C-alpha atoms as a PDB file:
ATOM      1  CA  UNK A   1      22.597 -31.005  46.973  1.00  0.00           C
ATOM      2  CA  UNK A   2      21.985 -27.952  49.086  1.00  0.00           C
ATOM      3  CA  UNK A   3      25.114 -26.314  47.624  1.00  0.00           C
ATOM      4  CA  UNK A   4      23.909 -26.947  44.059  1.00  0.00           C
ATOM      5  CA  UNK A   5      20.489 -25.524  44.865  1.00  0.00           C
ATOM      6  CA  UNK A   6      22.056 -22.432  46.461  1.00  0.00           C
ATOM      7  CA  UNK A   7      24.404 -22.045  43.512  1.00  0.00           C
ATOM      8  CA  UNK A   8      21.513 -22.187  41.014  1.00  0.00           C
ATOM      9  CA  UNK A   9      19.478 -19.616  42.921  1.00  0.00           C
ATOM     10  CA  UNK A  10      22.533 -17.386  43.231  1.00  0.00           C
ATOM     11  CA  UNK A  11      23.314 -17.806  39.496  1.00  0.00           C
ATOM     12  CA  UNK A  12      19.812 -16.864  38.352  1.00  0.00           C
ATOM     13  CA  UNK A  13      19.594 -14.031  40.827  1.00  0.00           C
ATOM     14  CA  UNK A  14      22.908 -12.492  39.765  1.00  0.00           C
ATOM     15  CA  UNK A  15      22.165 -12.554  36.023  1.00  0.00           C
ATOM     16  CA  UNK A  16      19.108 -10.364  35.599  1.00  0.00           C
ATOM     17  CA  UNK A  17      17.947  -9.665  32.081  1.00  0.00           C
ATOM     18  CA  UNK A  18      18.937  -6.204  30.977  1.00  0.00           C
ATOM     19  CA  UNK A  19      16.410  -4.777  28.571  1.00  0.00           C
ATOM     20  CA  UNK A  20      17.858  -2.323  26.133  1.00  0.00           C
ATOM     21  CA  UNK A  21      15.916   0.921  26.083  1.00  0.00           C
ATOM     22  CA  UNK A  22      17.223   1.808  22.642  1.00  0.00           C
ATOM     23  CA  UNK A  23      14.470  -0.073  20.873  1.00  0.00           C
ATOM     24  CA  UNK A  24      11.697   1.876  19.161  1.00  0.00           C
ATOM     25  CA  UNK A  25       8.860   1.140  16.778  1.00  0.00           C
ATOM     26  CA  UNK A  26       7.578   2.821  13.657  1.00  0.00           C
ATOM     27  CA  UNK A  27       4.326   2.657  11.672  1.00  0.00           C
ATOM     28  CA  UNK A  28       5.589   2.700   8.104  1.00  0.00           C
ATOM     29  CA  UNK A  29       2.148   2.473   6.499  1.00  0.00           C
ATOM     30  CA  UNK A  30       0.986   5.509   8.495  1.00  0.00           C
ATOM     31  CA  UNK A  31       3.954   7.479   7.169  1.00  0.00           C
ATOM     32  CA  UNK A  32       3.275   6.385   3.592  1.00  0.00           C
ATOM     33  CA  UNK A  33      -0.410   7.311   3.885  1.00  0.00           C
ATOM     34  CA  UNK A  34      -0.084  10.599   5.804  1.00  0.00           C
ATOM     35  CA  UNK A  35       3.100  12.213   4.566  1.00  0.00           C
ATOM     36  CA  UNK A  36       2.757  15.158   2.214  1.00  0.00           C
ATOM     37  CA  UNK A  37       4.397  13.114  -0.520  1.00  0.00           C
ATOM     38  CA  UNK A  38       2.080  10.169   0.203  1.00  0.00           C
ATOM     39  CA  UNK A  39      -0.983  12.411   0.001  1.00  0.00           C
ATOM     40  CA  UNK A  40       0.304  13.849  -3.276  1.00  0.00           C
ATOM     41  CA  UNK A  41       0.763  10.365  -4.710  1.00  0.00           C
ATOM     42  CA  UNK A  42      -2.686   9.327  -3.439  1.00  0.00           C
ATOM     43  CA  UNK A  43      -4.178  12.263  -5.336  1.00  0.00           C
ATOM     44  CA  UNK A  44      -2.402  11.179  -8.534  1.00  0.00           C
ATOM     45  CA  UNK A  45      -3.644   7.615  -8.048  1.00  0.00           C
ATOM     46  CA  UNK A  46      -7.198   8.858  -7.402  1.00  0.00           C
ATOM     47  CA  UNK A  47      -7.122  10.833 -10.662  1.00  0.00           C
ATOM     48  CA  UNK A  48      -6.010   7.723 -12.566  1.00  0.00           C
ATOM     49  CA  UNK A  49      -8.657   5.607 -10.822  1.00  0.00           C
ATOM     50  CA  UNK A  50     -11.336   8.108 -11.849  1.00  0.00           C
ATOM     51  CA  UNK A  51     -10.123   8.046 -15.462  1.00  0.00           C
ATOM     52  CA  UNK A  52     -10.158   4.249 -15.424  1.00  0.00           C
ATOM     53  CA  UNK A  53     -13.655   4.260 -13.939  1.00  0.00           C
ATOM     54  CA  UNK A  54     -14.883   6.516 -16.750  1.00  0.00           C
ATOM     55  CA  UNK A  55     -13.315   4.245 -19.383  1.00  0.00           C
ATOM     56  CA  UNK A  56     -14.946   1.195 -17.814  1.00  0.00           C
ATOM     57  CA  UNK A  57     -18.324   2.926 -17.615  1.00  0.00           C
ATOM     58  CA  UNK A  58     -18.154   3.762 -21.322  1.00  0.00           C
ATOM     59  CA  UNK A  59     -17.315   0.154 -22.145  1.00  0.00           C
ATOM     60  CA  UNK A  60     -20.087  -1.066 -19.853  1.00  0.00           C
ATOM     61  CA  UNK A  61     -22.539   1.205 -21.603  1.00  0.00           C
ATOM     62  CA  UNK A  62     -21.485  -0.242 -24.974  1.00  0.00           C
ATOM     63  CA  UNK A  63     -22.028  -3.762 -23.641  1.00  0.00           C
ATOM     64  CA  UNK A  64     -25.491  -2.923 -22.343  1.00  0.00           C
ATOM     65  CA  UNK A  65     -26.439  -1.302 -25.633  1.00  0.00           C
ATOM     66  CA  UNK A  66     -25.263  -4.342 -27.569  1.00  0.00           C
ATOM     67  CA  UNK A  67     -27.145  -6.636 -25.208  1.00  0.00           C
ATOM     68  CA  UNK A  68     -30.287  -4.520 -25.540  1.00  0.00           C
ATOM     69  CA  UNK A  69     -29.934  -4.553 -29.321  1.00  0.00           C
ATOM     70  CA  UNK A  70     -29.696  -8.348 -29.324  1.00  0.00           C
ATOM     71  CA  UNK A  71     -32.708  -8.661 -27.021  1.00  0.00           C
ATOM     72  CA  UNK A  72     -34.738  -6.357 -29.243  1.00  0.00           C
ATOM     73  CA  UNK A  73     -33.862  -8.340 -32.365  1.00  0.00           C
ATOM     74  CA  UNK A  74     -34.103 -11.771 -30.778  1.00  0.00           C
ATOM     75  CA  UNK A  75     -37.459 -12.612 -32.335  1.00  0.00           C
ATOM     76  CA  UNK A  76     -36.632 -11.104 -35.713  1.00  0.00           C
ATOM     77  CA  UNK A  77     -33.200 -12.610 -36.381  1.00  0.00           C
ATOM     78  CA  UNK A  78     -32.500 -16.073 -37.628  1.00  0.00           C
ATOM     79  CA  UNK A  79     -30.833 -18.458 -35.239  1.00  0.00           C
ATOM     80  CA  UNK A  80     -27.449 -18.257 -37.016  1.00  0.00           C
ATOM     81  CA  UNK A  81     -27.490 -14.473 -37.000  1.00  0.00           C
ATOM     82  CA  UNK A  82     -28.514 -14.408 -33.335  1.00  0.00           C
ATOM     83  CA  UNK A  83     -25.704 -16.794 -32.427  1.00  0.00           C
ATOM     84  CA  UNK A  84     -23.247 -14.637 -34.357  1.00  0.00           C
ATOM     85  CA  UNK A  85     -24.294 -11.552 -32.404  1.00  0.00           C
ATOM     86  CA  UNK A  86     -24.117 -13.460 -29.100  1.00  0.00           C
ATOM     87  CA  UNK A  87     -20.554 -14.483 -29.944  1.00  0.00           C
ATOM     88  CA  UNK A  88     -19.745 -10.821 -30.643  1.00  0.00           C
ATOM     89  CA  UNK A  89     -21.264  -9.873 -27.289  1.00  0.00           C
ATOM     90  CA  UNK A  90     -19.227 -12.543 -25.515  1.00  0.00           C
ATOM     91  CA  UNK A  91     -16.066 -11.260 -27.206  1.00  0.00           C
ATOM     92  CA  UNK A  92     -16.894  -7.756 -26.028  1.00  0.00           C
ATOM     93  CA  UNK A  93     -17.407  -9.054 -22.479  1.00  0.00           C
ATOM     94  CA  UNK A  94     -14.044 -10.834 -22.567  1.00  0.00           C
ATOM     95  CA  UNK A  95     -12.346  -7.642 -23.826  1.00  0.00           C
ATOM     96  CA  UNK A  96     -14.085  -5.648 -21.087  1.00  0.00           C
ATOM     97  CA  UNK A  97     -12.833  -8.041 -18.398  1.00  0.00           C
ATOM     98  CA  UNK A  98      -9.300  -7.916 -19.785  1.00  0.00           C
ATOM     99  CA  UNK A  99      -9.400  -4.117 -19.868  1.00  0.00           C
ATOM    100  CA  UNK A 100     -10.679  -3.991 -16.299  1.00  0.00           C
ATOM    101  CA  UNK A 101      -7.955  -6.359 -15.124  1.00  0.00           C
ATOM    102  CA  UNK A 102      -5.295  -4.374 -16.990  1.00  0.00           C
ATOM    103  CA  UNK A 103      -6.466  -1.068 -15.487  1.00  0.00           C
ATOM    104  CA  UNK A 104      -6.580  -2.541 -11.973  1.00  0.00           C
ATOM    105  CA  UNK A 105      -3.090  -3.978 -12.419  1.00  0.00           C
ATOM    106  CA  UNK A 106      -1.775  -0.600 -13.531  1.00  0.00           C
ATOM    107  CA  UNK A 107      -3.216   1.047 -10.405  1.00  0.00           C
ATOM    108  CA  UNK A 108      -1.637  -1.599  -8.157  1.00  0.00           C
ATOM    109  CA  UNK A 109       1.724  -1.121  -9.894  1.00  0.00           C
ATOM    110  CA  UNK A 110       1.420   2.626  -9.505  1.00  0.00           C
ATOM    111  CA  UNK A 111       0.682   2.302  -5.767  1.00  0.00           C
ATOM    112  CA  UNK A 112       3.663  -0.017  -5.351  1.00  0.00           C
ATOM    113  CA  UNK A 113       5.899   2.370  -7.298  1.00  0.00           C
ATOM    114  CA  UNK A 114       4.907   5.333  -5.138  1.00  0.00           C
ATOM    115  CA  UNK A 115       5.298   3.371  -1.894  1.00  0.00           C
ATOM    116  CA  UNK A 116       8.749   2.254  -2.998  1.00  0.00           C
ATOM    117  CA  UNK A 117       9.669   5.835  -3.833  1.00  0.00           C
ATOM    118  CA  UNK A 118       8.589   7.054  -0.386  1.00  0.00           C
ATOM    119  CA  UNK A 119      10.507   4.233   1.294  1.00  0.00           C
ATOM    120  CA  UNK A 120      13.582   5.050  -0.803  1.00  0.00           C
ATOM    121  CA  UNK A 121      13.465   8.618   0.522  1.00  0.00           C
ATOM    122  CA  UNK A 122      12.584   7.536   4.069  1.00  0.00           C
ATOM    123  CA  UNK A 123      15.350   4.940   4.459  1.00  0.00           C
ATOM    124  CA  UNK A 124      18.335   7.340   4.670  1.00  0.00           C
ATOM    125  CA  UNK A 125      16.329   9.660   6.924  1.00  0.00           C
ATOM    126  CA  UNK A 126      15.537   6.779   9.245  1.00  0.00           C
ATOM    127  CA  UNK A 127      19.150   5.591   9.225  1.00  0.00           C
ATOM    128  CA  UNK A 128      20.369   9.082  10.066  1.00  0.00           C
ATOM    129  CA  UNK A 129      17.782   9.424  12.860  1.00  0.00           C
ATOM    130  CA  UNK A 130      18.776   6.059  14.339  1.00  0.00           C
ATOM    131  CA  UNK A 131      22.479   6.946  14.318  1.00  0.00           C
ATOM    132  CA  UNK A 132      21.936  10.407  15.825  1.00  0.00           C
ATOM    133  CA  UNK A 133      19.699   9.108  18.627  1.00  0.00           C
ATOM    134  CA  UNK A 134      21.757   6.008  19.477  1.00  0.00           C
ATOM    135  CA  UNK A 135      18.900   3.632  18.673  1.00  0.00           C
ATOM    136  CA  UNK A 136      19.814  -0.031  18.322  1.00  0.00           C
ATOM    137  CA  UNK A 137      16.637  -1.476  16.859  1.00  0.00           C
ATOM    138  CA  UNK A 138      13.592  -0.174  14.970  1.00  0.00           C
ATOM    139  CA  UNK A 139      10.602  -2.506  14.682  1.00  0.00           C
ATOM    140  CA  UNK A 140       7.569  -2.100  12.427  1.00  0.00           C
ATOM    141  CA  UNK A 141       4.478  -1.261  14.469  1.00  0.00           C
ATOM    142  CA  UNK A 142       2.413  -4.009  12.852  1.00  0.00           C
ATOM    143  CA  UNK A 143       4.693  -6.525  14.591  1.00  0.00           C
ATOM    144  CA  UNK A 144       4.176  -4.977  18.048  1.00  0.00           C
ATOM    145  CA  UNK A 145       1.452  -6.313  20.294  1.00  0.00           C
ATOM    146  CA  UNK A 146       1.778  -3.711  23.060  1.00  0.00           C
ATOM    147  CA  UNK A 147       4.256  -0.897  23.446  1.00  0.00           C
ATOM    148  CA  UNK A 148       4.743   2.300  25.368  1.00  0.00           C
ATOM    149  CA  UNK A 149       3.686   5.311  23.324  1.00  0.00           C
ATOM    150  CA  UNK A 150       6.995   7.050  24.038  1.00  0.00           C
ATOM    151  CA  UNK A 151       8.793   4.373  21.988  1.00  0.00           C
ATOM    152  CA  UNK A 152       6.762   5.258  18.888  1.00  0.00           C
ATOM    153  CA  UNK A 153       8.842   7.445  16.540  1.00  0.00           C
ATOM    154  CA  UNK A 154       6.269   7.566  13.738  1.00  0.00           C
ATOM    155  CA  UNK A 155       5.266  11.226  14.100  1.00  0.00           C
ATOM    156  CA  UNK A 156       8.870  12.340  14.463  1.00  0.00           C
ATOM    157  CA  UNK A 157       9.870  10.591  11.266  1.00  0.00           C
ATOM    158  CA  UNK A 158       6.736  11.846   9.514  1.00  0.00           C
ATOM    159  CA  UNK A 159       7.799  15.405  10.341  1.00  0.00           C
ATOM    160  CA  UNK A 160      11.351  14.719   9.130  1.00  0.00           C
ATOM    161  CA  UNK A 161      10.036  13.235   5.858  1.00  0.00           C
ATOM    162  CA  UNK A 162       7.678  16.172   5.279  1.00  0.00           C
ATOM    163  CA  UNK A 163      10.529  18.614   5.938  1.00  0.00           C
ATOM    164  CA  UNK A 164      12.810  16.721   3.524  1.00  0.00           C
ATOM    165  CA  UNK A 165      10.048  16.632   0.901  1.00  0.00           C
ATOM    166  CA  UNK A 166       9.598  20.379   1.187  1.00  0.00           C
ATOM    167  CA  UNK A 167      13.356  21.083   1.088  1.00  0.00           C
ATOM    168  CA  UNK A 168      13.946  18.882  -1.944  1.00  0.00           C
ATOM    169  CA  UNK A 169      10.730  20.130  -3.592  1.00  0.00           C
ATOM    170  CA  UNK A 170       9.734  16.545  -4.435  1.00  0.00           C
ATOM    171  CA  UNK A 171       6.050  17.321  -4.856  1.00  0.00           C
ATOM    172  CA  UNK A 172       6.667  19.981  -7.541  1.00  0.00           C
ATOM    173  CA  UNK A 173       8.995  17.683  -9.521  1.00  0.00           C
ATOM    174  CA  UNK A 174       6.372  14.998  -9.914  1.00  0.00           C
END
């Protein structure tokens, strides 16, 4: 029994866990939000959001005017005519909601498209960086609870992406 106990202690003592120092982490969302290309795309999205907001405000104004018109004529109109105008108002409200949903969906699709485009450009850069620096594993920062700041390669890759964007003149093409 003593030999088995000694053997187990010796076995666990001899086989320490070797942590690989070639593991780093990266904040992808930070790169998407703060790269020059990401900022350019954010500006384009903001312009479209402002246009959509103006369209919705115009439609809202039409709805309020129609509602005010119905309220003003409520006592004058016959019940059938009032009901007819209320149905028209409800149809306008339904169209407004559909338009709002459609515009919001288009903005979400646009954001997804731009994020995908940035990731498409970033992927080969990241692969090249990993190969050149003998890195075995890159983990997304959102999955890291605690990590040493020196293992964070976000700013390095952000600089590489901005340099690549400038060299390929990606902002001027779009």
